[in-house]
Amino acid sequence: MFPKMASRMFTPCHIVKCEYVNKLGKITKTYTELEETIFIAFSDFQGTEVKKDDVYSVLETATICSPFIPDLTSGDCIKLLENKKVYQIINSPENWNMQNAFLLFKVERLQGGV
């Protein structure tokens, strides 16, 4: 028993971990790219035009199926190795069927704008 997307895990990527650092009383995000290459199933939904404050942007969303990574959380990112695009995880990854084998989650990437 495995998710249907698991049979299409051919897309190489790196995990980019998000950490919060307290620097002089101000909490800032820092990102660290992990060197280990993992293969995921990537199903994108092309893009949606977004207009905010009279600036047009394209919001790309996708669903990802990956091998189980216990410390992956929302806020972390996925960097595709084919085109160097970075997508941020927008929901808590779902441990599919509670088997510690696969994770399912959604990601987004905002492109354009000012």
C-alpha atoms as a PDB file:
ATOM      1  CA  MET A   1       0.000   0.000   0.000  1.00  0.00           C
ATOM      2  CA  PHE A   2       1.449   3.302  -1.135  1.00  0.00           C
ATOM      3  CA  PRO A   3       0.150   6.595  -2.588  1.00  0.00           C
ATOM      4  CA  LYS A   4      -0.397   6.661  -6.356  1.00  0.00           C
ATOM      5  CA  MET A   5       2.195   9.427  -6.736  1.00  0.00           C
ATOM      6  CA  ALA A   6       4.912   7.249  -5.173  1.00  0.00           C
ATOM      7  CA  SER A   7       5.392   5.352  -8.438  1.00  0.00           C
ATOM      8  CA  ARG A   8       6.545   8.621 -10.111  1.00  0.00           C
ATOM      9  CA  MET A   9       9.363   9.649  -7.769  1.00  0.00           C
ATOM     10  CA  PHE A  10      11.895  10.657 -10.451  1.00  0.00           C
ATOM     11  CA  THR A  11      12.507  14.377  -9.744  1.00  0.00           C
ATOM     12  CA  PRO A  12      15.824  15.063  -7.956  1.00  0.00           C
ATOM     13  CA  CYS A  13      15.849  17.770  -5.289  1.00  0.00           C
ATOM     14  CA  HIS A  14      17.519  19.057  -2.137  1.00  0.00           C
ATOM     15  CA  ILE A  15      15.876  19.977   1.162  1.00  0.00           C
ATOM     16  CA  VAL A  16      16.458  23.559   2.341  1.00  0.00           C
ATOM     17  CA  LYS A  17      15.990  23.693   6.118  1.00  0.00           C
ATOM     18  CA  CYS A  18      14.614  26.844   7.750  1.00  0.00           C
ATOM     19  CA  GLU A  19      15.994  27.836  11.144  1.00  0.00           C
ATOM     20  CA  TYR A  20      15.140  30.800  13.334  1.00  0.00           C
ATOM     21  CA  VAL A  21      18.120  32.667  14.760  1.00  0.00           C
ATOM     22  CA  ASN A  22      17.983  35.298  17.507  1.00  0.00           C
ATOM     23  CA  LYS A  23      20.430  37.982  16.424  1.00  0.00           C
ATOM     24  CA  LEU A  24      20.677  41.030  18.682  1.00  0.00           C
ATOM     25  CA  GLY A  25      17.144  40.495  19.960  1.00  0.00           C
ATOM     26  CA  LYS A  26      15.657  40.149  16.464  1.00  0.00           C
ATOM     27  CA  ILE A  27      14.493  36.759  15.241  1.00  0.00           C
ATOM     28  CA  THR A  28      15.459  36.110  11.621  1.00  0.00           C
ATOM     29  CA  LYS A  29      15.126  33.136   9.284  1.00  0.00           C
ATOM     30  CA  THR A  30      18.203  31.409   7.932  1.00  0.00           C
ATOM     31  CA  TYR A  31      18.173  28.716   5.272  1.00  0.00           C
ATOM     32  CA  THR A  32      20.614  25.823   4.957  1.00  0.00           C
ATOM     33  CA  GLU A  33      20.616  23.594   1.880  1.00  0.00           C
ATOM     34  CA  LEU A  34      21.234  19.930   2.668  1.00  0.00           C
ATOM     35  CA  GLU A  35      23.598  18.135   0.290  1.00  0.00           C
ATOM     36  CA  GLU A  36      21.714  14.828   0.172  1.00  0.00           C
ATOM     37  CA  THR A  37      19.766  14.365  -3.073  1.00  0.00           C
ATOM     38  CA  ILE A  38      16.330  12.816  -2.730  1.00  0.00           C
ATOM     39  CA  PHE A  39      13.863  11.855  -5.444  1.00  0.00           C
ATOM     40  CA  ILE A  40      10.275  13.082  -5.255  1.00  0.00           C
ATOM     41  CA  ALA A  41       7.059  12.958  -7.267  1.00  0.00           C
ATOM     42  CA  PHE A  42       6.242  16.536  -8.298  1.00  0.00           C
ATOM     43  CA  SER A  43       2.777  17.430  -9.591  1.00  0.00           C
ATOM     44  CA  ASP A  44       2.394  21.139 -10.334  1.00  0.00           C
ATOM     45  CA  PHE A  45      -0.672  23.202 -11.122  1.00  0.00           C
ATOM     46  CA  GLN A  46       1.052  25.631 -13.556  1.00  0.00           C
ATOM     47  CA  GLY A  47       0.420  28.993 -11.911  1.00  0.00           C
ATOM     48  CA  THR A  48      -2.164  31.531 -10.859  1.00  0.00           C
ATOM     49  CA  GLU A  49      -1.946  35.257 -11.469  1.00  0.00           C
ATOM     50  CA  VAL A  50      -2.097  37.223  -8.238  1.00  0.00           C
ATOM     51  CA  LYS A  51      -2.581  40.986  -8.008  1.00  0.00           C
ATOM     52  CA  LYS A  52      -1.616  42.571  -4.698  1.00  0.00           C
ATOM     53  CA  ASP A  53      -1.035  46.313  -4.256  1.00  0.00           C
ATOM     54  CA  ASP A  54      -1.238  46.788  -8.047  1.00  0.00           C
ATOM     55  CA  VAL A  55       1.644  44.350  -8.626  1.00  0.00           C
ATOM     56  CA  TYR A  56       1.075  41.204 -10.701  1.00  0.00           C
ATOM     57  CA  SER A  57       2.811  38.002  -9.648  1.00  0.00           C
ATOM     58  CA  VAL A  58       2.468  34.334 -10.479  1.00  0.00           C
ATOM     59  CA  LEU A  59       1.822  31.908  -7.635  1.00  0.00           C
ATOM     60  CA  GLU A  60       2.944  28.396  -8.530  1.00  0.00           C
ATOM     61  CA  THR A  61       1.605  25.562  -6.369  1.00  0.00           C
ATOM     62  CA  ALA A  62       2.371  21.856  -6.430  1.00  0.00           C
ATOM     63  CA  THR A  63       1.757  18.620  -4.566  1.00  0.00           C
ATOM     64  CA  ILE A  64       4.764  16.520  -3.613  1.00  0.00           C
ATOM     65  CA  CYS A  65       5.192  12.917  -2.557  1.00  0.00           C
ATOM     66  CA  SER A  66       8.575  12.195  -0.974  1.00  0.00           C
ATOM     67  CA  PRO A  67      10.260   9.499   1.056  1.00  0.00           C
ATOM     68  CA  PHE A  68       9.667   9.866   4.789  1.00  0.00           C
ATOM     69  CA  ILE A  69      11.861  12.613   6.297  1.00  0.00           C
ATOM     70  CA  PRO A  70      11.105  12.840  10.033  1.00  0.00           C
ATOM     71  CA  ASP A  71      12.239  16.434  10.649  1.00  0.00           C
ATOM     72  CA  LEU A  72      10.625  18.041   7.566  1.00  0.00           C
ATOM     73  CA  THR A  73       8.223  20.828   8.614  1.00  0.00           C
ATOM     74  CA  SER A  74       6.222  23.638   7.081  1.00  0.00           C
ATOM     75  CA  GLY A  75       8.505  26.578   6.396  1.00  0.00           C
ATOM     76  CA  ASP A  76      11.244  24.330   4.997  1.00  0.00           C
ATOM     77  CA  CYS A  77      11.826  24.440   1.239  1.00  0.00           C
ATOM     78  CA  ILE A  78      12.351  22.067  -1.664  1.00  0.00           C
ATOM     79  CA  LYS A  79      14.929  23.035  -4.311  1.00  0.00           C
ATOM     80  CA  LEU A  80      14.510  21.260  -7.645  1.00  0.00           C
ATOM     81  CA  LEU A  81      17.878  20.390  -9.164  1.00  0.00           C
ATOM     82  CA  GLU A  82      16.723  20.499 -12.799  1.00  0.00           C
ATOM     83  CA  ASN A  83      15.755  24.187 -12.855  1.00  0.00           C
ATOM     84  CA  LYS A  84      16.947  25.499  -9.429  1.00  0.00           C
ATOM     85  CA  LYS A  85      13.405  26.607  -8.465  1.00  0.00           C
ATOM     86  CA  VAL A  86      12.766  26.791  -4.710  1.00  0.00           C
ATOM     87  CA  TYR A  87       9.307  25.968  -3.335  1.00  0.00           C
ATOM     88  CA  GLN A  88       8.249  26.568   0.271  1.00  0.00           C
ATOM     89  CA  ILE A  89       6.218  23.930   2.126  1.00  0.00           C
ATOM     90  CA  ILE A  90       2.875  25.496   3.054  1.00  0.00           C
ATOM     91  CA  ASN A  91       1.283  22.795   5.189  1.00  0.00           C
ATOM     92  CA  SER A  92       2.541  20.201   7.629  1.00  0.00           C
ATOM     93  CA  PRO A  93       3.724  17.154   5.683  1.00  0.00           C
ATOM     94  CA  GLU A  94       1.299  14.239   6.022  1.00  0.00           C
ATOM     95  CA  ASN A  95       2.797  10.925   7.091  1.00  0.00           C
ATOM     96  CA  TRP A  96       0.845   8.864   4.577  1.00  0.00           C
ATOM     97  CA  ASN A  97      -1.073   6.050   6.263  1.00  0.00           C
ATOM     98  CA  MET A  98       1.133   6.523   9.378  1.00  0.00           C
ATOM     99  CA  GLN A  99       3.654   4.036   7.964  1.00  0.00           C
ATOM    100  CA  ASN A 100       6.773   6.272   8.085  1.00  0.00           C
ATOM    101  CA  ALA A 101       7.385   5.516   4.401  1.00  0.00           C
ATOM    102  CA  PHE A 102       5.993   8.486   2.419  1.00  0.00           C
ATOM    103  CA  LEU A 103       5.161  12.147   2.985  1.00  0.00           C
ATOM    104  CA  LEU A 104       2.532  14.109   1.063  1.00  0.00           C
ATOM    105  CA  PHE A 105       2.520  17.914   1.178  1.00  0.00           C
ATOM    106  CA  LYS A 106       1.812  21.085  -0.784  1.00  0.00           C
ATOM    107  CA  VAL A 107       4.360  23.716  -1.789  1.00  0.00           C
ATOM    108  CA  GLU A 108       4.223  27.169  -3.355  1.00  0.00           C
ATOM    109  CA  ARG A 109       6.542  29.567  -5.163  1.00  0.00           C
ATOM    110  CA  LEU A 110       5.880  33.251  -5.738  1.00  0.00           C
ATOM    111  CA  GLN A 111       7.400  34.558  -8.955  1.00  0.00           C
ATOM    112  CA  GLY A 112       7.592  38.089 -10.259  1.00  0.00           C
ATOM    113  CA  GLY A 113       6.351  41.195  -8.527  1.00  0.00           C
ATOM    114  CA  VAL A 114       8.498  43.879  -6.986  1.00  0.00           C
END
